[in-house]
Amino acid sequence: MFQSCGKCENGYIRKNDMVERCECYDHFIYKMKLESNLQAASIPLSIMNYNISSYHGEKSLQEIKKVQQYIDKFDSKFKHISLYLYGANSTQKTTIAHYIGRELCKKHVLVQYILMNDLIIHLTKENFFNEENDSSVDLIDSCRNVQCLIIDEAFDKEKILWYKSNYQLSFIDTFLRRRMEQDNKSVIFISNQHPTSIENSFNKSISDLIIRNTKGGALLTFMDDTRYLDVESIFD
């Protein structure tokens, strides 16, 4: 609910028989629009007041700089680039991804956040039921069409409902391949699984797909023992 700054009346100031909207009301409208965009993107509103400077982890500071570059130059340089945020639990990977989503929403970039388990469940429903009004179809359409898709808990089979037949592999493979290589759209993966270990729990095809599309410094490592890749970086 709007609260006046005390200098205006219900968000408006009268000056010389003219009525102007107060800055506090403009700020309120901006905040409401941002909250609406975050909710549409399934990003928690708790990220609203997060400050990236509060990130702790001296060995990951270089990764934080890359995150900020990714945000600042998303439209001009990175909208076709995927990132892979890798690290142990409790290294704030999800918080960093939420922050990226928030900042891109501020730039009017369409964003969608989803857990990989939920993505696979909805892909399965879409492939088996294919009902026009099904919520799974709407969500998958959003995941296909947004400019930046954030997939959390990626490639961790302990957090994914998986059937022994592995028939879901083709769904996630096709979805990711089409989005990253045909549509050339950004995906941000959040995972405690290194890309080279994806082959063990999924398959070589998906592993190669992810490694191929997160090369050139796009693998950002958030760990106490951060290791930097000896590769030509996509970042300045």
Protein backbone atom coordinates (compact mmCIF):
# COMPACT_ATOMS: atom_id res chain seq x y z
CA MET A 1 0.00 0.00 0.00
CA PHE A 2 1.26 3.47 -0.91
CA GLN A 3 2.51 5.68 1.90
CA SER A 4 3.19 9.35 1.32
CA CYS A 5 6.66 10.71 2.02
CA GLY A 6 5.04 13.42 4.12
CA LYS A 7 5.83 16.17 1.63
CA CYS A 8 2.97 15.28 -0.69
CA GLU A 9 -0.71 14.47 -0.46
CA ASN A 10 -1.50 10.98 -1.72
CA GLY A 11 1.51 11.14 -4.03
CA TYR A 12 0.87 14.55 -5.53
CA ILE A 13 2.29 18.03 -4.86
CA ARG A 14 0.56 21.29 -5.72
CA LYS A 15 2.86 24.00 -7.08
CA ASN A 16 1.52 27.36 -8.30
CA ASP A 17 -1.90 25.98 -9.24
CA MET A 18 -0.21 23.00 -10.90
CA VAL A 19 -0.31 19.43 -9.62
CA GLU A 20 2.79 17.26 -10.00
CA ARG A 21 3.35 13.64 -9.11
CA CYS A 22 5.78 13.21 -6.22
CA GLU A 23 9.00 11.22 -6.57
CA CYS A 24 7.84 8.93 -3.77
CA TYR A 25 4.81 7.93 -5.86
CA ASP A 26 6.99 7.30 -8.93
CA HIS A 27 9.20 5.10 -6.76
CA PHE A 28 6.14 3.24 -5.47
CA ILE A 29 4.88 2.57 -9.02
CA TYR A 30 8.35 1.40 -10.09
CA LYS A 31 8.56 -0.96 -7.11
CA MET A 32 5.09 -2.40 -7.80
CA LYS A 33 5.95 -3.06 -11.46
CA LEU A 34 9.23 -4.72 -10.49
CA GLU A 35 7.49 -6.93 -7.92
CA SER A 36 4.93 -7.92 -10.55
CA ASN A 37 7.70 -8.81 -13.03
CA LEU A 38 9.54 -10.86 -10.40
CA GLN A 39 6.39 -12.77 -9.51
CA ALA A 40 5.73 -13.49 -13.18
CA ALA A 41 9.31 -14.79 -13.43
CA SER A 42 8.85 -16.97 -10.29
CA ILE A 43 11.68 -15.09 -8.57
CA PRO A 44 11.09 -14.58 -4.81
CA LEU A 45 10.43 -11.01 -3.69
CA SER A 46 13.03 -11.47 -0.94
CA ILE A 47 15.63 -10.55 -3.57
CA MET A 48 14.19 -7.03 -3.88
CA ASN A 49 16.61 -5.52 -1.36
CA TYR A 50 19.60 -7.76 -2.02
CA ASN A 51 22.92 -6.00 -2.63
CA ILE A 52 25.56 -7.88 -4.62
CA SER A 53 28.27 -6.20 -2.55
CA SER A 54 27.14 -8.32 0.41
CA TYR A 55 28.46 -11.49 -1.27
CA HIS A 56 31.11 -13.18 0.88
CA GLY A 57 33.84 -15.26 -0.66
CA GLU A 58 37.12 -13.63 -1.57
CA LYS A 59 38.07 -16.30 -4.11
CA SER A 60 34.80 -15.77 -5.99
CA LEU A 61 35.00 -12.00 -6.34
CA GLN A 62 36.18 -12.32 -9.94
CA GLU A 63 33.06 -14.36 -10.67
CA ILE A 64 30.89 -11.62 -9.17
CA LYS A 65 32.51 -9.11 -11.54
CA LYS A 66 31.61 -11.38 -14.46
CA VAL A 67 28.01 -11.58 -13.19
CA GLN A 68 27.80 -7.80 -13.18
CA GLN A 69 29.27 -7.63 -16.69
CA TYR A 70 26.71 -10.18 -17.85
CA ILE A 71 23.91 -7.98 -16.52
CA ASP A 72 25.30 -4.67 -17.76
CA LYS A 73 25.97 -5.95 -21.30
CA PHE A 74 23.19 -8.50 -21.62
CA ASP A 75 21.46 -6.81 -24.57
CA SER A 76 24.61 -5.92 -26.47
CA LYS A 77 26.77 -8.98 -25.80
CA PHE A 78 25.38 -11.74 -23.64
CA LYS A 79 21.73 -12.38 -24.59
CA HIS A 80 22.86 -15.42 -26.60
CA ILE A 81 25.34 -16.61 -23.94
CA SER A 82 24.54 -19.26 -21.31
CA LEU A 83 26.12 -19.32 -17.85
CA TYR A 84 26.78 -22.27 -15.56
CA LEU A 85 26.92 -21.33 -11.86
CA TYR A 86 28.72 -24.20 -10.19
CA GLY A 87 29.69 -24.75 -6.57
CA ALA A 88 28.99 -26.49 -3.30
CA ASN A 89 25.81 -25.90 -1.33
CA SER A 90 25.57 -22.64 0.65
CA THR A 91 27.77 -20.66 -1.75
CA GLN A 92 24.84 -18.35 -2.64
CA LYS A 93 24.55 -19.54 -6.25
CA THR A 94 20.75 -19.32 -6.22
CA THR A 95 20.84 -15.89 -4.61
CA ILE A 96 23.25 -14.69 -7.30
CA ALA A 97 20.94 -16.11 -9.99
CA HIS A 98 17.92 -14.40 -8.42
CA TYR A 99 19.92 -11.18 -8.39
CA ILE A 100 20.70 -11.58 -12.10
CA GLY A 101 17.00 -12.16 -12.74
CA ARG A 102 16.03 -9.07 -10.76
CA GLU A 103 18.50 -6.82 -12.54
CA LEU A 104 17.43 -8.12 -15.96
CA CYS A 105 13.78 -7.51 -15.04
CA LYS A 106 14.75 -3.91 -14.31
CA LYS A 107 16.08 -3.75 -17.88
CA HIS A 108 12.72 -5.08 -19.16
CA VAL A 109 14.23 -8.44 -20.10
CA LEU A 110 11.77 -11.34 -19.91
CA VAL A 111 13.01 -13.87 -17.32
CA GLN A 112 11.76 -17.23 -16.03
CA TYR A 113 13.12 -19.13 -13.01
CA ILE A 114 12.39 -22.85 -12.63
CA LEU A 115 13.76 -25.92 -10.86
CA MET A 116 15.03 -28.56 -13.27
CA ASN A 117 12.78 -31.16 -11.63
CA ASP A 118 9.72 -28.98 -12.33
CA LEU A 119 10.92 -28.33 -15.87
CA ILE A 120 11.20 -32.06 -16.56
CA ILE A 121 7.79 -32.75 -14.98
CA HIS A 122 6.12 -30.12 -17.18
CA LEU A 123 7.98 -31.26 -20.28
CA THR A 124 6.72 -34.78 -19.61
CA LYS A 125 3.14 -33.58 -19.20
CA GLU A 126 3.40 -31.53 -22.38
CA ASN A 127 4.70 -34.47 -24.39
CA PHE A 128 2.17 -36.98 -23.07
CA PHE A 129 -0.98 -34.92 -22.66
CA ASN A 130 -0.49 -31.91 -24.98
CA GLU A 131 -3.69 -30.22 -23.82
CA GLU A 132 -4.07 -26.70 -25.16
CA ASN A 133 -5.25 -25.25 -21.84
CA ASP A 134 -2.88 -27.24 -19.65
CA SER A 135 -0.75 -25.11 -17.32
CA SER A 136 2.30 -27.19 -18.23
CA VAL A 137 2.03 -26.06 -21.85
CA ASP A 138 1.85 -22.40 -20.78
CA LEU A 139 4.86 -22.73 -18.48
CA ILE A 140 6.96 -24.55 -21.08
CA ASP A 141 6.04 -21.92 -23.66
CA SER A 142 7.31 -19.29 -21.24
CA CYS A 143 10.52 -21.24 -20.66
CA ARG A 144 11.03 -21.49 -24.42
CA ASN A 145 10.29 -17.86 -25.22
CA VAL A 146 11.77 -15.73 -22.42
CA GLN A 147 15.05 -14.00 -23.11
CA CYS A 148 16.74 -15.46 -20.03
CA LEU A 149 15.82 -18.83 -18.49
CA ILE A 150 17.23 -19.69 -15.04
CA ILE A 151 17.28 -23.42 -14.21
CA ASP A 152 18.10 -24.26 -10.59
CA GLU A 153 19.19 -27.60 -9.05
CA ALA A 154 20.35 -28.58 -12.50
CA PHE A 155 21.59 -32.11 -13.28
CA ASP A 156 21.35 -33.32 -9.67
CA LYS A 157 19.46 -36.62 -9.86
CA GLU A 158 19.03 -36.66 -6.09
CA LYS A 159 16.66 -33.71 -6.55
CA ILE A 160 14.95 -34.92 -9.70
CA LEU A 161 12.15 -37.48 -9.99
CA TRP A 162 13.61 -39.89 -12.51
CA TYR A 163 12.28 -43.12 -13.99
CA LYS A 164 14.52 -46.11 -14.57
CA SER A 165 13.75 -46.11 -18.27
CA ASN A 166 15.31 -42.62 -18.52
CA TYR A 167 12.69 -41.69 -21.10
CA GLN A 168 12.71 -38.06 -19.83
CA LEU A 169 16.24 -37.62 -21.17
CA SER A 170 14.97 -36.97 -24.68
CA PHE A 171 12.59 -34.26 -23.41
CA ILE A 172 15.22 -32.22 -21.58
CA ASP A 173 17.81 -32.83 -24.30
CA THR A 174 15.50 -31.59 -27.05
CA PHE A 175 14.34 -28.60 -24.98
CA LEU A 176 17.86 -27.40 -24.09
CA ARG A 177 19.28 -28.08 -27.55
CA ARG A 178 16.52 -26.11 -29.23
CA ARG A 179 16.73 -23.18 -26.82
CA MET A 180 20.52 -22.80 -26.75
CA GLU A 181 21.53 -23.84 -30.26
CA GLN A 182 18.52 -23.28 -32.50
CA ASP A 183 16.87 -20.29 -30.85
CA ASN A 184 20.21 -19.03 -29.52
CA LYS A 185 18.77 -17.90 -26.18
CA SER A 186 20.40 -17.59 -22.79
CA VAL A 187 20.13 -20.21 -20.05
CA ILE A 188 21.60 -19.79 -16.58
CA PHE A 189 22.21 -23.15 -14.89
CA ILE A 190 22.67 -23.41 -11.12
CA SER A 191 24.23 -26.66 -10.02
CA ASN A 192 26.43 -28.47 -7.53
CA GLN A 193 27.36 -30.82 -10.38
CA HIS A 194 30.39 -29.90 -12.49
CA PRO A 195 29.57 -29.98 -16.24
CA THR A 196 32.03 -32.82 -16.75
CA SER A 197 30.04 -34.97 -14.27
CA ILE A 198 26.72 -34.56 -16.13
CA GLU A 199 27.57 -37.56 -18.28
CA ASN A 200 27.54 -39.82 -15.20
CA SER A 201 23.98 -38.97 -14.14
CA PHE A 202 22.44 -38.00 -17.50
CA ASN A 203 24.29 -38.86 -20.70
CA LYS A 204 27.19 -37.82 -22.93
CA SER A 205 24.95 -36.01 -25.39
CA ILE A 206 23.59 -33.61 -22.76
CA SER A 207 27.01 -33.29 -21.12
CA ASP A 208 28.61 -32.30 -24.43
CA LEU A 209 25.76 -29.86 -25.10
CA ILE A 210 26.27 -28.07 -21.79
CA ILE A 211 30.07 -28.02 -21.98
CA ARG A 212 29.96 -26.74 -25.56
CA ASN A 213 27.60 -23.91 -24.63
CA THR A 214 29.29 -22.83 -21.40
CA LYS A 215 32.87 -22.59 -22.63
CA GLY A 216 34.96 -19.43 -22.80
CA GLY A 217 34.67 -18.50 -19.14
CA ALA A 218 30.90 -19.02 -18.88
CA LEU A 219 31.45 -21.61 -16.14
CA LEU A 220 31.44 -19.52 -12.95
CA THR A 221 32.69 -21.35 -9.89
CA PHE A 222 31.46 -20.39 -6.42
CA MET A 223 33.52 -22.36 -3.91
CA ASP A 224 35.99 -21.73 -1.12
CA ASP A 225 38.65 -23.35 -3.30
CA THR A 226 37.64 -21.53 -6.47
CA ARG A 227 39.56 -22.70 -9.52
CA TYR A 228 39.77 -20.59 -12.66
CA LEU A 229 39.66 -22.15 -16.08
CA ASP A 230 42.72 -21.69 -18.25
CA VAL A 231 40.71 -20.66 -21.28
CA GLU A 232 40.12 -17.54 -23.29
CA SER A 233 37.41 -15.67 -21.46
CA ILE A 234 34.25 -14.30 -23.06
CA PHE A 235 34.50 -11.46 -20.55
CA ASP A 236 36.67 -8.36 -20.93
